[in-house]
């Protein structure tokens, strides 16, 4: 799911299940490496979590609000609050541990 400033509140902050948000950019090598890992997690945890992607080049306002200064950054939101954060490429097990 693509997250923008227009749907961030409804899809992330008001979600009744945890939301894993991947801050990325198309030119970012580690982001490209992390993308299939995020997709696997999305399939495995379907119905238990939501997974969204925020392109930092298109949604600078959200990146600044959540102090994303390097990418990829993964933030897990629970009940509208930040529960966990991970910077850079991480293996699947590390990302799952954030949940």
N, C-alpha and C. Protein backbone atom coordinates (compact mmCIF):
# COMPACT_ATOMS: atom_id res chain seq x y z
N UNK A 1 0.85 -1.17 0.00
CA UNK A 1 0.00 0.00 0.00
C UNK A 1 0.90 1.24 0.00
N UNK A 2 0.56 2.18 -0.83
CA UNK A 2 1.30 3.44 -0.89
C UNK A 2 0.68 4.40 0.13
N UNK A 3 1.54 4.91 1.00
CA UNK A 3 1.09 5.85 2.03
C UNK A 3 1.49 7.26 1.59
N UNK A 4 0.54 8.18 1.69
CA UNK A 4 0.79 9.58 1.39
C UNK A 4 0.32 10.42 2.57
N UNK A 5 0.60 11.71 2.53
CA UNK A 5 0.11 12.56 3.62
C UNK A 5 -1.42 12.58 3.66
N UNK A 6 -2.04 12.30 2.51
CA UNK A 6 -3.50 12.31 2.45
C UNK A 6 -4.15 11.10 3.12
N UNK A 7 -3.48 9.93 3.09
CA UNK A 7 -4.09 8.75 3.71
C UNK A 7 -3.35 8.27 4.96
N UNK A 8 -2.30 8.98 5.36
CA UNK A 8 -1.49 8.55 6.50
C UNK A 8 -2.32 8.39 7.78
N UNK A 9 -3.11 9.38 8.08
CA UNK A 9 -3.90 9.33 9.32
C UNK A 9 -4.85 8.14 9.32
N UNK A 10 -5.60 7.96 8.23
CA UNK A 10 -6.59 6.87 8.20
C UNK A 10 -5.93 5.50 8.13
N UNK A 11 -4.87 5.35 7.35
CA UNK A 11 -4.26 4.03 7.15
C UNK A 11 -3.27 3.64 8.25
N UNK A 12 -2.60 4.63 8.84
CA UNK A 12 -1.55 4.33 9.83
C UNK A 12 -1.99 4.69 11.25
N UNK A 13 -2.27 5.95 11.48
CA UNK A 13 -2.56 6.40 12.85
C UNK A 13 -3.85 5.83 13.40
N UNK A 14 -4.86 5.64 12.53
CA UNK A 14 -6.15 5.14 13.00
C UNK A 14 -6.34 3.64 12.74
N UNK A 15 -5.27 2.93 12.40
CA UNK A 15 -5.38 1.50 12.11
C UNK A 15 -5.61 0.72 13.40
N UNK A 16 -6.46 -0.31 13.33
CA UNK A 16 -6.71 -1.13 14.51
C UNK A 16 -5.73 -2.30 14.60
N UNK A 17 -4.84 -2.44 13.61
CA UNK A 17 -3.77 -3.44 13.67
C UNK A 17 -2.43 -2.73 13.46
N UNK A 18 -1.32 -3.33 13.90
CA UNK A 18 -0.01 -2.68 13.70
C UNK A 18 0.27 -2.40 12.22
N UNK A 19 1.00 -1.32 11.98
CA UNK A 19 1.34 -0.92 10.61
C UNK A 19 2.86 -0.81 10.49
N UNK A 20 3.42 -1.56 9.55
CA UNK A 20 4.85 -1.49 9.25
C UNK A 20 4.99 -0.52 8.08
N UNK A 21 5.71 0.57 8.29
CA UNK A 21 5.87 1.59 7.25
C UNK A 21 7.32 1.60 6.79
N UNK A 22 7.51 1.42 5.50
CA UNK A 22 8.84 1.41 4.88
C UNK A 22 9.06 2.75 4.18
N UNK A 23 9.99 3.56 4.73
CA UNK A 23 10.38 4.82 4.08
C UNK A 23 11.51 4.48 3.10
N UNK A 24 11.32 4.80 1.82
CA UNK A 24 12.25 4.38 0.78
C UNK A 24 12.34 5.41 -0.33
N UNK A 25 13.23 5.15 -1.30
CA UNK A 25 13.32 5.95 -2.53
C UNK A 25 13.77 5.04 -3.66
N UNK A 26 13.38 5.38 -4.88
CA UNK A 26 13.66 4.52 -6.03
C UNK A 26 15.15 4.42 -6.33
N UNK A 27 15.94 5.42 -5.95
CA UNK A 27 17.37 5.44 -6.25
C UNK A 27 18.21 4.77 -5.17
N UNK A 28 17.59 4.27 -4.12
CA UNK A 28 18.29 3.75 -2.94
C UNK A 28 18.54 2.24 -3.08
N UNK A 29 19.81 1.86 -3.19
CA UNK A 29 20.19 0.45 -3.32
C UNK A 29 19.71 -0.43 -2.17
N UNK A 30 20.02 -0.05 -0.91
CA UNK A 30 19.54 -0.86 0.22
C UNK A 30 18.02 -0.96 0.28
N UNK A 31 17.32 0.08 -0.19
CA UNK A 31 15.85 0.04 -0.24
C UNK A 31 15.39 -1.07 -1.19
N UNK A 32 16.07 -1.19 -2.32
CA UNK A 32 15.72 -2.22 -3.30
C UNK A 32 15.98 -3.61 -2.73
N UNK A 33 17.03 -3.74 -1.91
CA UNK A 33 17.33 -5.03 -1.28
C UNK A 33 16.28 -5.37 -0.22
N UNK A 34 15.78 -4.37 0.48
CA UNK A 34 14.82 -4.60 1.55
C UNK A 34 13.41 -4.87 1.03
N UNK A 35 13.09 -4.35 -0.13
CA UNK A 35 11.73 -4.44 -0.66
C UNK A 35 11.16 -5.87 -0.72
N UNK A 36 11.92 -6.87 -1.24
CA UNK A 36 11.37 -8.23 -1.25
C UNK A 36 11.16 -8.80 0.15
N UNK A 37 11.99 -8.39 1.09
CA UNK A 37 11.84 -8.83 2.49
C UNK A 37 10.52 -8.30 3.05
N UNK A 38 10.26 -7.03 2.80
CA UNK A 38 9.01 -6.40 3.27
C UNK A 38 7.81 -7.10 2.63
N UNK A 39 7.92 -7.42 1.34
CA UNK A 39 6.82 -8.09 0.64
C UNK A 39 6.54 -9.47 1.22
N UNK A 40 7.60 -10.22 1.57
CA UNK A 40 7.43 -11.53 2.20
C UNK A 40 6.70 -11.41 3.53
N UNK A 41 7.12 -10.44 4.32
CA UNK A 41 6.49 -10.23 5.63
C UNK A 41 5.02 -9.86 5.45
N UNK A 42 4.74 -9.02 4.46
CA UNK A 42 3.36 -8.62 4.19
C UNK A 42 2.48 -9.84 3.89
N UNK A 43 2.98 -10.77 3.08
CA UNK A 43 2.22 -11.97 2.73
C UNK A 43 2.05 -12.89 3.95
N UNK A 44 3.13 -13.08 4.71
CA UNK A 44 3.10 -13.99 5.86
C UNK A 44 2.19 -13.49 6.98
N UNK A 45 2.11 -12.18 7.13
CA UNK A 45 1.35 -11.60 8.24
C UNK A 45 0.05 -10.94 7.78
N UNK A 46 -0.42 -11.32 6.61
CA UNK A 46 -1.64 -10.74 6.05
C UNK A 46 -2.80 -10.88 7.04
N UNK A 47 -3.48 -9.77 7.28
CA UNK A 47 -4.59 -9.75 8.23
C UNK A 47 -4.17 -9.45 9.65
N UNK A 48 -2.87 -9.63 9.96
CA UNK A 48 -2.37 -9.36 11.31
C UNK A 48 -1.70 -7.99 11.40
N UNK A 49 -1.11 -7.57 10.27
CA UNK A 49 -0.47 -6.25 10.19
C UNK A 49 -0.81 -5.64 8.84
N UNK A 50 -0.60 -4.33 8.74
CA UNK A 50 -0.67 -3.62 7.46
C UNK A 50 0.75 -3.26 7.10
N UNK A 51 1.04 -3.24 5.82
CA UNK A 51 2.36 -2.81 5.35
C UNK A 51 2.16 -1.67 4.37
N UNK A 52 2.87 -0.58 4.60
CA UNK A 52 2.78 0.57 3.71
C UNK A 52 4.16 1.08 3.34
N UNK A 53 4.24 1.72 2.19
CA UNK A 53 5.51 2.28 1.72
C UNK A 53 5.34 3.79 1.52
N UNK A 54 6.34 4.52 1.97
CA UNK A 54 6.35 5.97 1.79
C UNK A 54 7.59 6.34 1.00
N UNK A 55 7.39 6.89 -0.20
CA UNK A 55 8.50 7.36 -1.02
C UNK A 55 8.92 8.73 -0.47
N UNK A 56 10.13 8.79 0.09
CA UNK A 56 10.57 10.03 0.75
C UNK A 56 10.74 11.19 -0.22
N UNK A 57 10.97 10.89 -1.50
CA UNK A 57 11.09 11.96 -2.50
C UNK A 57 9.74 12.61 -2.77
N UNK A 58 8.67 11.82 -2.66
CA UNK A 58 7.33 12.34 -2.93
C UNK A 58 6.62 12.83 -1.67
N UNK A 59 7.03 12.32 -0.52
CA UNK A 59 6.37 12.65 0.75
C UNK A 59 7.37 13.18 1.76
N UNK A 60 8.08 14.25 1.37
CA UNK A 60 9.11 14.83 2.24
C UNK A 60 8.55 15.29 3.58
N UNK A 61 7.32 15.76 3.55
CA UNK A 61 6.68 16.25 4.78
C UNK A 61 6.59 15.14 5.82
N UNK A 62 6.18 13.94 5.41
CA UNK A 62 6.10 12.81 6.34
C UNK A 62 7.49 12.36 6.80
N UNK A 63 8.44 12.34 5.87
CA UNK A 63 9.81 11.96 6.22
C UNK A 63 10.37 12.92 7.26
N UNK A 64 10.13 14.21 7.10
CA UNK A 64 10.62 15.20 8.06
C UNK A 64 9.90 15.05 9.40
N UNK A 65 8.59 14.84 9.36
CA UNK A 65 7.81 14.71 10.60
C UNK A 65 8.33 13.57 11.46
N UNK A 66 8.72 12.45 10.81
CA UNK A 66 9.19 11.29 11.56
C UNK A 66 10.71 11.18 11.57
N UNK A 67 11.38 12.30 11.27
CA UNK A 67 12.83 12.44 11.36
C UNK A 67 13.58 11.33 10.62
N UNK A 68 13.11 11.02 9.43
CA UNK A 68 13.78 10.02 8.60
C UNK A 68 14.91 10.72 7.86
N UNK A 69 16.14 10.47 8.31
CA UNK A 69 17.29 11.14 7.70
C UNK A 69 18.11 10.18 6.85
N UNK A 70 17.90 8.88 7.01
CA UNK A 70 18.55 7.92 6.12
C UNK A 70 17.54 6.83 5.79
N UNK A 71 17.73 6.25 4.61
CA UNK A 71 16.78 5.22 4.17
C UNK A 71 17.55 3.98 3.76
N UNK A 72 16.94 2.81 3.81
CA UNK A 72 15.56 2.60 4.25
C UNK A 72 15.41 2.76 5.77
N UNK A 73 14.28 3.28 6.15
CA UNK A 73 13.87 3.33 7.55
C UNK A 73 12.53 2.63 7.66
N UNK A 74 12.43 1.71 8.60
CA UNK A 74 11.18 1.01 8.85
C UNK A 74 10.67 1.45 10.22
N UNK A 75 9.42 1.90 10.26
CA UNK A 75 8.80 2.29 11.52
C UNK A 75 7.54 1.46 11.70
N UNK A 76 7.40 0.86 12.88
CA UNK A 76 6.19 0.11 13.20
C UNK A 76 5.33 0.98 14.11
N UNK A 77 4.09 1.20 13.67
CA UNK A 77 3.13 1.98 14.44
C UNK A 77 2.12 1.03 15.07
N UNK A 78 1.86 1.23 16.36
CA UNK A 78 0.80 0.48 17.05
C UNK A 78 -0.06 1.49 17.78
N UNK A 79 -1.35 1.40 17.57
CA UNK A 79 -2.30 2.34 18.19
C UNK A 79 -1.93 3.80 17.92
N UNK A 80 -1.46 4.08 16.72
CA UNK A 80 -1.13 5.45 16.32
C UNK A 80 0.18 5.97 16.86
N UNK A 81 0.93 5.13 17.57
CA UNK A 81 2.21 5.55 18.16
C UNK A 81 3.35 4.74 17.55
N UNK A 82 4.56 5.33 17.55
CA UNK A 82 5.73 4.60 17.08
C UNK A 82 6.08 3.54 18.12
N UNK A 83 6.12 2.27 17.68
CA UNK A 83 6.46 1.17 18.58
C UNK A 83 7.92 0.76 18.41
N UNK A 84 8.41 0.78 17.18
CA UNK A 84 9.79 0.38 16.88
C UNK A 84 10.27 1.04 15.61
N UNK A 85 11.60 1.16 15.51
CA UNK A 85 12.22 1.76 14.33
C UNK A 85 13.47 0.98 13.96
N UNK A 86 13.73 0.88 12.67
CA UNK A 86 14.94 0.22 12.18
C UNK A 86 15.51 1.04 11.03
N UNK A 87 16.83 1.25 11.06
CA UNK A 87 17.49 2.01 10.00
C UNK A 87 18.35 1.09 9.15
N UNK A 88 18.36 1.32 7.85
CA UNK A 88 19.20 0.55 6.95
C UNK A 88 18.62 -0.82 6.64
N UNK A 89 19.34 -1.56 5.80
CA UNK A 89 18.90 -2.90 5.45
C UNK A 89 19.04 -3.80 6.67
N UNK A 90 18.01 -4.60 6.92
CA UNK A 90 18.04 -5.58 8.00
C UNK A 90 17.49 -6.89 7.46
N UNK A 91 17.98 -8.04 7.97
CA UNK A 91 17.40 -9.31 7.53
C UNK A 91 15.98 -9.46 8.01
N UNK A 92 15.27 -10.36 7.38
CA UNK A 92 13.85 -10.59 7.65
C UNK A 92 13.56 -10.80 9.15
N UNK A 93 14.39 -11.60 9.81
CA UNK A 93 14.18 -11.89 11.23
C UNK A 93 14.20 -10.61 12.07
N UNK A 94 15.10 -9.69 11.72
CA UNK A 94 15.20 -8.42 12.47
C UNK A 94 13.93 -7.57 12.27
N UNK A 95 13.41 -7.57 11.06
CA UNK A 95 12.20 -6.78 10.78
C UNK A 95 11.02 -7.41 11.51
N UNK A 96 10.90 -8.74 11.48
CA UNK A 96 9.81 -9.42 12.18
C UNK A 96 9.88 -9.14 13.68
N UNK A 97 11.09 -9.07 14.22
CA UNK A 97 11.27 -8.80 15.66
C UNK A 97 10.72 -7.43 16.04
N UNK A 98 10.64 -6.50 15.09
CA UNK A 98 10.08 -5.16 15.37
C UNK A 98 8.58 -5.23 15.66
N UNK A 99 7.93 -6.26 15.10
CA UNK A 99 6.49 -6.37 15.23
C UNK A 99 6.10 -6.81 16.63
